[in-house]
Amino acid sequence: WIPHNSNGISVSFAIQPTIWKVKILKDIYTNSGTSDVKGNIAAGQFELFASEYVKKNKIMGLYWFSDEKKRGLYHWDSSLYPHGNLISKGKWAAEYKEEFKELHQTYNIDINLRGTT
């Protein structure tokens, strides 16, 4: 168990990207603390509760970091499992402008309908 430490907070569980055995993921969801807040804050709070649960129950995981580029506040690119937080608060995330150009052209998406952050 090697937590990611950000601003003094240890986080060892992340919703995305993660590959789980369904049984273990259901166990984490069922037995982690519940939140009384809503929206993005609740998702972040769940990751903290889940991190405590996996540590306490010695649930092992693995993550990969190879000094990839950081985008925004909480996301780093991944050379092993490329993914992105492309939508934030209902809008296209501004950190991916270059990637969006190709996607929007390929799939005929009007960027103005959703807007950007």
PDB file of N, CA and C in Angstrom:
ATOM      1  N   TRP A   1       0.854  -1.171   0.000  1.00  0.00           N
ATOM      2  CA  TRP A   1       0.000   0.000   0.000  1.00  0.00           C
ATOM      3  C   TRP A   1       0.892   1.222   0.000  1.00  0.00           C
ATOM      4  N   ILE A   2       0.851   1.972  -1.082  1.00  0.00           N
ATOM      5  CA  ILE A   2       1.629   3.202  -1.176  1.00  0.00           C
ATOM      6  C   ILE A   2       0.664   4.324  -1.516  1.00  0.00           C
ATOM      7  N   PRO A   3       0.330   5.151  -0.532  1.00  0.00           N
ATOM      8  CA  PRO A   3      -0.638   6.215  -0.816  1.00  0.00           C
ATOM      9  C   PRO A   3      -0.023   7.351  -1.611  1.00  0.00           C
ATOM     10  N   HIS A   4      -0.853   8.022  -2.366  1.00  0.00           N
ATOM     11  CA  HIS A   4      -0.470   9.260  -3.025  1.00  0.00           C
ATOM     12  C   HIS A   4      -0.739  10.352  -2.012  1.00  0.00           C
ATOM     13  N   ASN A   5       0.246  11.163  -1.702  1.00  0.00           N
ATOM     14  CA  ASN A   5       0.071  12.201  -0.697  1.00  0.00           C
ATOM     15  C   ASN A   5      -0.071  13.540  -1.389  1.00  0.00           C
ATOM     16  N   SER A   6      -1.193  14.193  -1.179  1.00  0.00           N
ATOM     17  CA  SER A   6      -1.462  15.491  -1.783  1.00  0.00           C
ATOM     18  C   SER A   6      -1.926  16.450  -0.696  1.00  0.00           C
ATOM     19  N   ASN A   7      -1.161  17.482  -0.461  1.00  0.00           N
ATOM     20  CA  ASN A   7      -1.506  18.481   0.553  1.00  0.00           C
ATOM     21  C   ASN A   7      -1.738  17.846   1.923  1.00  0.00           C
ATOM     22  N   GLY A   8      -0.927  16.848   2.272  1.00  0.00           N
ATOM     23  CA  GLY A   8      -1.042  16.219   3.577  1.00  0.00           C
ATOM     24  C   GLY A   8      -2.127  15.171   3.687  1.00  0.00           C
ATOM     25  N   ILE A   9      -2.817  14.864   2.595  1.00  0.00           N
ATOM     26  CA  ILE A   9      -3.899  13.877   2.608  1.00  0.00           C
ATOM     27  C   ILE A   9      -3.441  12.648   1.836  1.00  0.00           C
ATOM     28  N   SER A  10      -3.486  11.482   2.463  1.00  0.00           N
ATOM     29  CA  SER A  10      -3.085  10.240   1.800  1.00  0.00           C
ATOM     30  C   SER A  10      -4.269   9.618   1.080  1.00  0.00           C
ATOM     31  N   VAL A  11      -4.125   9.428  -0.223  1.00  0.00           N
ATOM     32  CA  VAL A  11      -5.185   8.828  -1.031  1.00  0.00           C
ATOM     33  C   VAL A  11      -4.614   7.603  -1.727  1.00  0.00           C
ATOM     34  N   SER A  12      -5.201   6.437  -1.455  1.00  0.00           N
ATOM     35  CA  SER A  12      -4.727   5.208  -2.088  1.00  0.00           C
ATOM     36  C   SER A  12      -5.795   4.567  -2.958  1.00  0.00           C
ATOM     37  N   PHE A  13      -6.973   5.166  -3.016  1.00  0.00           N
ATOM     38  CA  PHE A  13      -8.074   4.655  -3.827  1.00  0.00           C
ATOM     39  C   PHE A  13      -8.487   5.749  -4.794  1.00  0.00           C
ATOM     40  N   ALA A  14      -8.614   5.390  -6.067  1.00  0.00           N
ATOM     41  CA  ALA A  14      -9.073   6.349  -7.072  1.00  0.00           C
ATOM     42  C   ALA A  14     -10.137   5.682  -7.929  1.00  0.00           C
ATOM     43  N   ILE A  15     -11.177   6.436  -8.223  1.00  0.00           N
ATOM     44  CA  ILE A  15     -12.254   5.920  -9.068  1.00  0.00           C
ATOM     45  C   ILE A  15     -11.733   5.644 -10.474  1.00  0.00           C
ATOM     46  N   GLN A  16     -10.930   6.541 -10.990  1.00  0.00           N
ATOM     47  CA  GLN A  16     -10.548   6.465 -12.394  1.00  0.00           C
ATOM     48  C   GLN A  16      -9.060   6.695 -12.516  1.00  0.00           C
ATOM     49  N   PRO A  17      -8.287   5.996 -13.271  1.00  0.00           N
ATOM     50  CA  PRO A  17      -8.612   4.720 -13.895  1.00  0.00           C
ATOM     51  C   PRO A  17      -8.245   3.585 -12.947  1.00  0.00           C
ATOM     52  N   THR A  18      -9.121   2.675 -12.776  1.00  0.00           N
ATOM     53  CA  THR A  18      -8.882   1.549 -11.887  1.00  0.00           C
ATOM     54  C   THR A  18      -9.518   0.297 -12.463  1.00  0.00           C
ATOM     55  N   ILE A  19      -8.812  -0.797 -12.386  1.00  0.00           N
ATOM     56  CA  ILE A  19      -9.360  -2.091 -12.787  1.00  0.00           C
ATOM     57  C   ILE A  19      -9.516  -2.902 -11.503  1.00  0.00           C
ATOM     58  N   TRP A  20     -10.741  -3.312 -11.221  1.00  0.00           N
ATOM     59  CA  TRP A  20     -11.041  -4.020  -9.980  1.00  0.00           C
ATOM     60  C   TRP A  20     -11.725  -5.343 -10.250  1.00  0.00           C
ATOM     61  N   LYS A  21     -11.546  -6.285  -9.334  1.00  0.00           N
ATOM     62  CA  LYS A  21     -12.429  -7.441  -9.282  1.00  0.00           C
ATOM     63  C   LYS A  21     -13.740  -6.903  -8.731  1.00  0.00           C
ATOM     64  N   VAL A  22     -14.849  -7.226  -9.376  1.00  0.00           N
ATOM     65  CA  VAL A  22     -16.148  -6.657  -9.011  1.00  0.00           C
ATOM     66  C   VAL A  22     -16.469  -6.894  -7.542  1.00  0.00           C
ATOM     67  N   LYS A  23     -16.196  -8.078  -7.045  1.00  0.00           N
ATOM     68  CA  LYS A  23     -16.494  -8.416  -5.646  1.00  0.00           C
ATOM     69  C   LYS A  23     -15.783  -7.455  -4.684  1.00  0.00           C
ATOM     70  N   ILE A  24     -14.532  -7.154  -4.962  1.00  0.00           N
ATOM     71  CA  ILE A  24     -13.767  -6.266  -4.083  1.00  0.00           C
ATOM     72  C   ILE A  24     -14.270  -4.830  -4.200  1.00  0.00           C
ATOM     73  N   LEU A  25     -14.567  -4.380  -5.407  1.00  0.00           N
ATOM     74  CA  LEU A  25     -15.079  -3.020  -5.588  1.00  0.00           C
ATOM     75  C   LEU A  25     -16.413  -2.838  -4.868  1.00  0.00           C
ATOM     76  N   LYS A  26     -17.292  -3.836  -4.976  1.00  0.00           N
ATOM     77  CA  LYS A  26     -18.577  -3.762  -4.262  1.00  0.00           C
ATOM     78  C   LYS A  26     -18.355  -3.704  -2.752  1.00  0.00           C
ATOM     79  N   ASP A  27     -17.390  -4.468  -2.269  1.00  0.00           N
ATOM     80  CA  ASP A  27     -17.059  -4.449  -0.845  1.00  0.00           C
ATOM     81  C   ASP A  27     -16.620  -3.049  -0.418  1.00  0.00           C
ATOM     82  N   ILE A  28     -15.776  -2.419  -1.206  1.00  0.00           N
ATOM     83  CA  ILE A  28     -15.302  -1.070  -0.883  1.00  0.00           C
ATOM     84  C   ILE A  28     -16.464  -0.084  -0.867  1.00  0.00           C
ATOM     85  N   TYR A  29     -17.316  -0.130  -1.900  1.00  0.00           N
ATOM     86  CA  TYR A  29     -18.469   0.776  -1.962  1.00  0.00           C
ATOM     87  C   TYR A  29     -19.420   0.565  -0.790  1.00  0.00           C
ATOM     88  N   THR A  30     -19.656  -0.677  -0.447  1.00  0.00           N
ATOM     89  CA  THR A  30     -20.613  -0.999   0.610  1.00  0.00           C
ATOM     90  C   THR A  30     -20.101  -0.600   1.992  1.00  0.00           C
ATOM     91  N   ASN A  31     -18.815  -0.737   2.214  1.00  0.00           N
ATOM     92  CA  ASN A  31     -18.286  -0.594   3.569  1.00  0.00           C
ATOM     93  C   ASN A  31     -17.485   0.670   3.846  1.00  0.00           C
ATOM     94  N   SER A  32     -17.282   1.506   2.841  1.00  0.00           N
ATOM     95  CA  SER A  32     -16.613   2.788   3.084  1.00  0.00           C
ATOM     96  C   SER A  32     -17.623   3.748   3.693  1.00  0.00           C
ATOM     97  N   GLY A  33     -17.142   4.789   4.335  1.00  0.00           N
ATOM     98  CA  GLY A  33     -18.033   5.760   4.969  1.00  0.00           C
ATOM     99  C   GLY A  33     -18.961   6.432   3.973  1.00  0.00           C
ATOM    100  N   THR A  34     -20.082   6.913   4.471  1.00  0.00           N
ATOM    101  CA  THR A  34     -21.032   7.624   3.617  1.00  0.00           C
ATOM    102  C   THR A  34     -20.845   9.123   3.780  1.00  0.00           C
ATOM    103  N   SER A  35     -21.220   9.843   2.745  1.00  0.00           N
ATOM    104  CA  SER A  35     -21.045  11.288   2.725  1.00  0.00           C
ATOM    105  C   SER A  35     -22.387  11.992   2.829  1.00  0.00           C
ATOM    106  N   ASP A  36     -22.388  13.122   3.485  1.00  0.00           N
ATOM    107  CA  ASP A  36     -23.607  13.922   3.543  1.00  0.00           C
ATOM    108  C   ASP A  36     -23.536  15.120   2.596  1.00  0.00           C
ATOM    109  N   VAL A  37     -22.505  15.152   1.745  1.00  0.00           N
ATOM    110  CA  VAL A  37     -22.376  16.219   0.750  1.00  0.00           C
ATOM    111  C   VAL A  37     -22.686  15.663  -0.628  1.00  0.00           C
ATOM    112  N   LYS A  38     -22.874  16.531  -1.598  1.00  0.00           N
ATOM    113  CA  LYS A  38     -23.252  16.120  -2.956  1.00  0.00           C
ATOM    114  C   LYS A  38     -22.214  16.592  -3.973  1.00  0.00           C
ATOM    115  N   GLY A  39     -22.320  16.063  -5.193  1.00  0.00           N
ATOM    116  CA  GLY A  39     -21.516  16.529  -6.322  1.00  0.00           C
ATOM    117  C   GLY A  39     -20.057  16.137  -6.242  1.00  0.00           C
ATOM    118  N   ASN A  40     -19.187  16.995  -6.811  1.00  0.00           N
ATOM    119  CA  ASN A  40     -17.758  16.709  -6.894  1.00  0.00           C
ATOM    120  C   ASN A  40     -17.124  16.511  -5.524  1.00  0.00           C
ATOM    121  N   ILE A  41     -17.601  17.246  -4.535  1.00  0.00           N
ATOM    122  CA  ILE A  41     -17.041  17.116  -3.188  1.00  0.00           C
ATOM    123  C   ILE A  41     -17.310  15.717  -2.647  1.00  0.00           C
ATOM    124  N   ALA A  42     -18.498  15.188  -2.889  1.00  0.00           N
ATOM    125  CA  ALA A  42     -18.841  13.843  -2.415  1.00  0.00           C
ATOM    126  C   ALA A  42     -17.937  12.794  -3.050  1.00  0.00           C
ATOM    127  N   ALA A  43     -17.645  12.943  -4.346  1.00  0.00           N
ATOM    128  CA  ALA A  43     -16.769  11.976  -5.022  1.00  0.00           C
ATOM    129  C   ALA A  43     -15.385  11.994  -4.396  1.00  0.00           C
ATOM    130  N   GLY A  44     -14.859  13.179  -4.137  1.00  0.00           N
ATOM    131  CA  GLY A  44     -13.552  13.290  -3.500  1.00  0.00           C
ATOM    132  C   GLY A  44     -13.562  12.746  -2.086  1.00  0.00           C
ATOM    133  N   GLN A  45     -14.645  12.999  -1.365  1.00  0.00           N
ATOM    134  CA  GLN A  45     -14.768  12.502  -0.002  1.00  0.00           C
ATOM    135  C   GLN A  45     -14.850  10.973   0.002  1.00  0.00           C
ATOM    136  N   PHE A  46     -15.558  10.412  -0.984  1.00  0.00           N
ATOM    137  CA  PHE A  46     -15.626   8.954  -1.080  1.00  0.00           C
ATOM    138  C   PHE A  46     -14.231   8.366  -1.269  1.00  0.00           C
ATOM    139  N   GLU A  47     -13.405   8.995  -2.108  1.00  0.00           N
ATOM    140  CA  GLU A  47     -12.060   8.472  -2.321  1.00  0.00           C
ATOM    141  C   GLU A  47     -11.254   8.488  -1.021  1.00  0.00           C
ATOM    142  N   LEU A  48     -11.471   9.486  -0.183  1.00  0.00           N
ATOM    143  CA  LEU A  48     -10.792   9.513   1.120  1.00  0.00           C
ATOM    144  C   LEU A  48     -11.291   8.393   2.027  1.00  0.00           C
ATOM    145  N   PHE A  49     -12.622   8.223   2.113  1.00  0.00           N
ATOM    146  CA  PHE A  49     -13.190   7.149   2.937  1.00  0.00           C
ATOM    147  C   PHE A  49     -12.729   5.785   2.428  1.00  0.00           C
ATOM    148  N   ALA A  50     -12.754   5.609   1.112  1.00  0.00           N
ATOM    149  CA  ALA A  50     -12.345   4.333   0.524  1.00  0.00           C
ATOM    150  C   ALA A  50     -10.864   4.077   0.773  1.00  0.00           C
ATOM    151  N   SER A  51     -10.048   5.126   0.722  1.00  0.00           N
ATOM    152  CA  SER A  51      -8.617   4.975   0.994  1.00  0.00           C
ATOM    153  C   SER A  51      -8.382   4.462   2.405  1.00  0.00           C
ATOM    154  N   GLU A  52      -9.128   5.005   3.362  1.00  0.00           N
ATOM    155  CA  GLU A  52      -9.014   4.532   4.743  1.00  0.00           C
ATOM    156  C   GLU A  52      -9.434   3.066   4.844  1.00  0.00           C
ATOM    157  N   TYR A  53     -10.511   2.711   4.139  1.00  0.00           N
ATOM    158  CA  TYR A  53     -11.025   1.339   4.191  1.00  0.00           C
ATOM    159  C   TYR A  53     -10.030   0.346   3.594  1.00  0.00           C
ATOM    160  N   VAL A  54      -9.456   0.663   2.428  1.00  0.00           N
ATOM    161  CA  VAL A  54      -8.528  -0.290   1.807  1.00  0.00           C
ATOM    162  C   VAL A  54      -7.256  -0.433   2.639  1.00  0.00           C
ATOM    163  N   LYS A  55      -6.823   0.644   3.280  1.00  0.00           N
ATOM    164  CA  LYS A  55      -5.643   0.547   4.144  1.00  0.00           C
ATOM    165  C   LYS A  55      -5.944  -0.341   5.352  1.00  0.00           C
ATOM    166  N   LYS A  56      -7.067  -0.067   6.010  1.00  0.00           N
ATOM    167  CA  LYS A  56      -7.457  -0.817   7.214  1.00  0.00           C
ATOM    168  C   LYS A  56      -7.618  -2.305   6.913  1.00  0.00           C
ATOM    169  N   ASN A  57      -8.131  -2.639   5.742  1.00  0.00           N
ATOM    170  CA  ASN A  57      -8.409  -4.031   5.383  1.00  0.00           C
ATOM    171  C   ASN A  57      -7.333  -4.666   4.513  1.00  0.00           C
ATOM    172  N   LYS A  58      -6.216  -3.972   4.382  1.00  0.00           N
ATOM    173  CA  LYS A  58      -5.054  -4.477   3.642  1.00  0.00           C
ATOM    174  C   LYS A  58      -5.406  -4.928   2.225  1.00  0.00           C
ATOM    175  N   ILE A  59      -6.247  -4.147   1.562  1.00  0.00           N
ATOM    176  CA  ILE A  59      -6.583  -4.410   0.162  1.00  0.00           C
ATOM    177  C   ILE A  59      -5.462  -3.812  -0.674  1.00  0.00           C
ATOM    178  N   MET A  60      -4.802  -4.654  -1.424  1.00  0.00           N
ATOM    179  CA  MET A  60      -3.621  -4.226  -2.165  1.00  0.00           C
ATOM    180  C   MET A  60      -3.989  -3.742  -3.565  1.00  0.00           C
ATOM    181  N   GLY A  61      -3.251  -2.773  -4.031  1.00  0.00           N
ATOM    182  CA  GLY A  61      -3.451  -2.246  -5.368  1.00  0.00           C
ATOM    183  C   GLY A  61      -2.116  -1.826  -5.958  1.00  0.00           C
ATOM    184  N   LEU A  62      -2.176  -1.259  -7.116  1.00  0.00           N
ATOM    185  CA  LEU A  62      -0.964  -0.862  -7.817  1.00  0.00           C
ATOM    186  C   LEU A  62      -1.261   0.377  -8.637  1.00  0.00           C
ATOM    187  N   TYR A  63      -0.336   1.287  -8.688  1.00  0.00           N
ATOM    188  CA  TYR A  63      -0.466   2.404  -9.613  1.00  0.00           C
ATOM    189  C   TYR A  63       0.869   2.636 -10.286  1.00  0.00           C
ATOM    190  N   TRP A  64       0.838   3.331 -11.403  1.00  0.00           N
ATOM    191  CA  TRP A  64       2.022   3.583 -12.204  1.00  0.00           C
ATOM    192  C   TRP A  64       2.185   5.078 -12.368  1.00  0.00           C
ATOM    193  N   PHE A  65       3.393   5.572 -12.129  1.00  0.00           N
ATOM    194  CA  PHE A  65       3.703   6.970 -12.388  1.00  0.00           C
ATOM    195  C   PHE A  65       5.109   7.035 -12.929  1.00  0.00           C
ATOM    196  N   SER A  66       5.267   7.675 -14.078  1.00  0.00           N
ATOM    197  CA  SER A  66       6.571   7.770 -14.714  1.00  0.00           C
ATOM    198  C   SER A  66       6.861   9.220 -15.103  1.00  0.00           C
ATOM    199  N   ASP A  67       6.622  10.112 -14.157  1.00  0.00           N
ATOM    200  CA  ASP A  67       6.892  11.539 -14.343  1.00  0.00           C
ATOM    201  C   ASP A  67       6.151  12.129 -15.545  1.00  0.00           C
ATOM    202  N   GLU A  68       4.900  11.674 -15.747  1.00  0.00           N
ATOM    203  CA  GLU A  68       4.094  12.181 -16.847  1.00  0.00           C
ATOM    204  C   GLU A  68       3.631  13.611 -16.569  1.00  0.00           C
ATOM    205  N   LYS A  69       3.177  14.277 -17.608  1.00  0.00           N
ATOM    206  CA  LYS A  69       2.732  15.668 -17.547  1.00  0.00           C
ATOM    207  C   LYS A  69       1.491  15.814 -16.663  1.00  0.00           C
ATOM    208  N   LYS A  70       1.477  16.863 -15.829  1.00  0.00           N
ATOM    209  CA  LYS A  70       0.314  17.169 -15.001  1.00  0.00           C
ATOM    210  C   LYS A  70      -0.604  18.113 -15.774  1.00  0.00           C
ATOM    211  N   ARG A  71      -1.919  17.843 -15.682  1.00  0.00           N
ATOM    212  CA  ARG A  71      -2.915  18.712 -16.315  1.00  0.00           C
ATOM    213  C   ARG A  71      -3.933  19.106 -15.260  1.00  0.00           C
ATOM    214  N   GLY A  72      -4.168  20.373 -15.090  1.00  0.00           N
ATOM    215  CA  GLY A  72      -5.129  20.813 -14.086  1.00  0.00           C
ATOM    216  C   GLY A  72      -4.597  20.571 -12.684  1.00  0.00           C
ATOM    217  N   LEU A  73      -5.499  20.495 -11.716  1.00  0.00           N
ATOM    218  CA  LEU A  73      -5.092  20.348 -10.317  1.00  0.00           C
ATOM    219  C   LEU A  73      -4.814  18.916  -9.896  1.00  0.00           C
ATOM    220  N   TYR A  74      -5.581  17.950 -10.430  1.00  0.00           N
ATOM    221  CA  TYR A  74      -5.533  16.596  -9.873  1.00  0.00           C
ATOM    222  C   TYR A  74      -5.293  15.489 -10.892  1.00  0.00           C
ATOM    223  N   HIS A  75      -4.875  15.815 -12.086  1.00  0.00           N
ATOM    224  CA  HIS A  75      -4.743  14.773 -13.106  1.00  0.00           C
ATOM    225  C   HIS A  75      -3.363  14.819 -13.749  1.00  0.00           C
ATOM    226  N   TRP A  76      -2.787  13.636 -13.936  1.00  0.00           N
ATOM    227  CA  TRP A  76      -1.542  13.487 -14.670  1.00  0.00           C
ATOM    228  C   TRP A  76      -1.814  12.586 -15.864  1.00  0.00           C
ATOM    229  N   ASP A  77      -1.164  12.874 -16.989  1.00  0.00           N
ATOM    230  CA  ASP A  77      -1.259  11.974 -18.133  1.00  0.00           C
ATOM    231  C   ASP A  77      -0.673  10.624 -17.727  1.00  0.00           C
ATOM    232  N   SER A  78      -1.020   9.582 -18.452  1.00  0.00           N
ATOM    233  CA  SER A  78      -0.500   8.254 -18.152  1.00  0.00           C
ATOM    234  C   SER A  78       0.038   7.614 -19.422  1.00  0.00           C
ATOM    235  N   SER A  79       1.312   7.223 -19.388  1.00  0.00           N
ATOM    236  CA  SER A  79       1.903   6.536 -20.537  1.00  0.00           C
ATOM    237  C   SER A  79       1.456   5.077 -20.586  1.00  0.00           C
ATOM    238  N   LEU A  80       1.013   4.536 -19.456  1.00  0.00           N
ATOM    239  CA  LEU A  80       0.581   3.142 -19.388  1.00  0.00           C
ATOM    240  C   LEU A  80      -0.897   2.978 -19.727  1.00  0.00           C
ATOM    241  N   TYR A  81      -1.728   3.891 -19.238  1.00  0.00           N
ATOM    242  CA  TYR A  81      -3.180   3.811 -19.428  1.00  0.00           C
ATOM    243  C   TYR A  81      -3.697   5.205 -19.777  1.00  0.00           C
ATOM    244  N   PRO A  82      -3.544   5.609 -21.044  1.00  0.00           N
ATOM    245  CA  PRO A  82      -3.965   6.964 -21.427  1.00  0.00           C
ATOM    246  C   PRO A  82      -5.459   7.176 -21.197  1.00  0.00           C
ATOM    247  N   HIS A  83      -5.784   8.225 -20.486  1.00  0.00           N
ATOM    248  CA  HIS A  83      -7.170   8.594 -20.216  1.00  0.00           C
ATOM    249  C   HIS A  83      -7.181  10.073 -19.844  1.00  0.00           C
ATOM    250  N   GLY A  84      -8.342  10.628 -19.754  1.00  0.00           N
ATOM    251  CA  GLY A  84      -8.425  12.031 -19.364  1.00  0.00           C
ATOM    252  C   GLY A  84      -9.744  12.345 -18.710  1.00  0.00           C
ATOM    253  N   ASN A  85      -9.726  13.354 -17.902  1.00  0.00           N
ATOM    254  CA  ASN A  85     -10.954  13.888 -17.329  1.00  0.00           C
ATOM    255  C   ASN A  85     -11.443  14.957 -18.296  1.00  0.00           C
ATOM    256  N   LEU A  86     -12.089  14.519 -19.364  1.00  0.00           N
ATOM    257  CA  LEU A  86     -12.389  15.405 -20.480  1.00  0.00           C
ATOM    258  C   LEU A  86     -13.558  16.338 -20.241  1.00  0.00           C
ATOM    259  N   ILE A  87     -14.434  15.987 -19.317  1.00  0.00           N
ATOM    260  CA  ILE A  87     -15.577  16.846 -19.023  1.00  0.00           C
ATOM    261  C   ILE A  87     -15.529  17.213 -17.549  1.00  0.00           C
ATOM    262  N   SER A  88     -15.669  18.494 -17.263  1.00  0.00           N
ATOM    263  CA  SER A  88     -15.656  18.985 -15.894  1.00  0.00           C
ATOM    264  C   SER A  88     -16.830  19.931 -15.697  1.00  0.00           C
ATOM    265  N   LYS A  89     -17.687  19.597 -14.734  1.00  0.00           N
ATOM    266  CA  LYS A  89     -18.872  20.408 -14.435  1.00  0.00           C
ATOM    267  C   LYS A  89     -19.716  20.640 -15.686  1.00  0.00           C
ATOM    268  N   GLY A  90     -19.817  19.599 -16.528  1.00  0.00           N
ATOM    269  CA  GLY A  90     -20.668  19.655 -17.711  1.00  0.00           C
ATOM    270  C   GLY A  90     -20.052  20.326 -18.920  1.00  0.00           C
ATOM    271  N   LYS A  91     -18.802  20.748 -18.824  1.00  0.00           N
ATOM    272  CA  LYS A  91     -18.146  21.434 -19.943  1.00  0.00           C
ATOM    273  C   LYS A  91     -16.869  20.679 -20.330  1.00  0.00           C
ATOM    274  N   TRP A  92     -16.418  20.898 -21.583  1.00  0.00           N
ATOM    275  CA  TRP A  92     -15.167  20.304 -22.026  1.00  0.00           C
ATOM    276  C   TRP A  92     -14.031  20.915 -21.212  1.00  0.00           C
ATOM    277  N   ALA A  93     -13.118  20.088 -20.711  1.00  0.00           N
ATOM    278  CA  ALA A  93     -11.998  20.571 -19.898  1.00  0.00           C
ATOM    279  C   ALA A  93     -10.973  21.280 -20.777  1.00  0.00           C
ATOM    280  N   ALA A  94     -10.631  22.492 -20.401  1.00  0.00           N
ATOM    281  CA  ALA A  94      -9.739  23.333 -21.200  1.00  0.00           C
ATOM    282  C   ALA A  94      -8.332  22.747 -21.341  1.00  0.00           C
ATOM    283  N   GLU A  95      -7.929  21.856 -20.436  1.00  0.00           N
ATOM    284  CA  GLU A  95      -6.578  21.285 -20.488  1.00  0.00           C
ATOM    285  C   GLU A  95      -6.337  20.421 -21.720  1.00  0.00           C
ATOM    286  N   TYR A  96      -7.395  20.070 -22.439  1.00  0.00           N
ATOM    287  CA  TYR A  96      -7.266  19.142 -23.567  1.00  0.00           C
ATOM    288  C   TYR A  96      -7.625  19.781 -24.905  1.00  0.00           C
ATOM    289  N   LYS A  97      -7.379  21.072 -25.058  1.00  0.00           N
ATOM    290  CA  LYS A  97      -7.781  21.781 -26.282  1.00  0.00           C
ATOM    291  C   LYS A  97      -7.268  21.107 -27.554  1.00  0.00           C
ATOM    292  N   GLU A  98      -6.008  20.737 -27.581  1.00  0.00           N
ATOM    293  CA  GLU A  98      -5.439  20.129 -28.795  1.00  0.00           C
ATOM    294  C   GLU A  98      -6.090  18.786 -29.107  1.00  0.00           C
ATOM    295  N   GLU A  99      -6.301  17.963 -28.091  1.00  0.00           N
ATOM    296  CA  GLU A  99      -6.935  16.665 -28.295  1.00  0.00           C
ATOM    297  C   GLU A  99      -8.376  16.831 -28.779  1.00  0.00           C
ATOM    298  N   PHE A 100      -9.058  17.853 -28.271  1.00  0.00           N
ATOM    299  CA  PHE A 100     -10.453  18.087 -28.654  1.00  0.00           C
ATOM    300  C   PHE A 100     -10.603  18.456 -30.118  1.00  0.00           C
ATOM    301  N   LYS A 101      -9.639  19.184 -30.652  1.00  0.00           N
ATOM    302  CA  LYS A 101      -9.748  19.606 -32.055  1.00  0.00           C
ATOM    303  C   LYS A 101     -10.005  18.400 -32.955  1.00  0.00           C
ATOM    304  N   GLU A 102      -9.189  17.365 -32.803  1.00  0.00           N
ATOM    305  CA  GLU A 102      -9.341  16.165 -33.635  1.00  0.00           C
ATOM    306  C   GLU A 102     -10.648  15.435 -33.330  1.00  0.00           C
ATOM    307  N   LEU A 103     -10.979  15.264 -32.057  1.00  0.00           N
ATOM    308  CA  LEU A 103     -12.216  14.570 -31.688  1.00  0.00           C
ATOM    309  C   LEU A 103     -13.454  15.294 -32.206  1.00  0.00           C
ATOM    310  N   HIS A 104     -13.483  16.592 -32.032  1.00  0.00           N
ATOM    311  CA  HIS A 104     -14.650  17.365 -32.464  1.00  0.00           C
ATOM    312  C   HIS A 104     -14.812  17.345 -33.981  1.00  0.00           C
ATOM    313  N   GLN A 105     -13.693  17.391 -34.703  1.00  0.00           N
ATOM    314  CA  GLN A 105     -13.773  17.309 -36.166  1.00  0.00           C
ATOM    315  C   GLN A 105     -14.199  15.913 -36.610  1.00  0.00           C
ATOM    316  N   THR A 106     -13.594  14.893 -36.041  1.00  0.00           N
ATOM    317  CA  THR A 106     -13.896  13.512 -36.425  1.00  0.00           C
ATOM    318  C   THR A 106     -15.359  13.164 -36.190  1.00  0.00           C
ATOM    319  N   TYR A 107     -15.904  13.593 -35.051  1.00  0.00           N
ATOM    320  CA  TYR A 107     -17.266  13.211 -34.675  1.00  0.00           C
ATOM    321  C   TYR A 107     -18.290  14.330 -34.846  1.00  0.00           C
ATOM    322  N   ASN A 108     -17.874  15.403 -35.541  1.00  0.00           N
ATOM    323  CA  ASN A 108     -18.768  16.523 -35.849  1.00  0.00           C
ATOM    324  C   ASN A 108     -19.467  17.056 -34.589  1.00  0.00           C
ATOM    325  N   ILE A 109     -18.666  17.376 -33.584  1.00  0.00           N
ATOM    326  CA  ILE A 109     -19.184  17.888 -32.313  1.00  0.00           C
ATOM    327  C   ILE A 109     -19.037  19.403 -32.289  1.00  0.00           C
ATOM    328  N   ASP A 110     -20.111  20.093 -31.980  1.00  0.00           N
ATOM    329  CA  ASP A 110     -20.078  21.547 -31.840  1.00  0.00           C
ATOM    330  C   ASP A 110     -19.646  21.883 -30.414  1.00  0.00           C
ATOM    331  N   ILE A 111     -18.409  22.336 -30.260  1.00  0.00           N
ATOM    332  CA  ILE A 111     -17.854  22.627 -28.930  1.00  0.00           C
ATOM    333  C   ILE A 111     -18.650  23.703 -28.199  1.00  0.00           C
ATOM    334  N   ASN A 112     -19.320  24.569 -28.941  1.00  0.00           N
ATOM    335  CA  ASN A 112     -20.070  25.668 -28.325  1.00  0.00           C
ATOM    336  C   ASN A 112     -21.336  25.203 -27.609  1.00  0.00           C
ATOM    337  N   LEU A 113     -21.843  24.017 -27.948  1.00  0.00           N
ATOM    338  CA  LEU A 113     -23.045  23.526 -27.274  1.00  0.00           C
ATOM    339  C   LEU A 113     -22.789  23.248 -25.797  1.00  0.00           C
ATOM    340  N   ARG A 114     -21.612  22.742 -25.485  1.00  0.00           N
ATOM    341  CA  ARG A 114     -21.265  22.415 -24.099  1.00  0.00           C
ATOM    342  C   ARG A 114     -20.388  23.499 -23.488  1.00  0.00           C
ATOM    343  N   GLY A 115     -19.537  24.115 -24.300  1.00  0.00           N
ATOM    344  CA  GLY A 115     -18.600  25.113 -23.797  1.00  0.00           C
ATOM    345  C   GLY A 115     -17.385  24.470 -23.159  1.00  0.00           C
ATOM    346  N   THR A 116     -16.445  25.292 -22.724  1.00  0.00           N
ATOM    347  CA  THR A 116     -15.238  24.795 -22.069  1.00  0.00           C
ATOM    348  C   THR A 116     -15.090  25.443 -20.699  1.00  0.00           C
ATOM    349  N   THR A 117     -14.297  24.783 -19.854  1.00  0.00           N
ATOM    350  CA  THR A 117     -14.063  25.314 -18.504  1.00  0.00           C
ATOM    351  C   THR A 117     -13.004  26.381 -18.538  1.00  0.00           C
TER     352      THR A 117
END
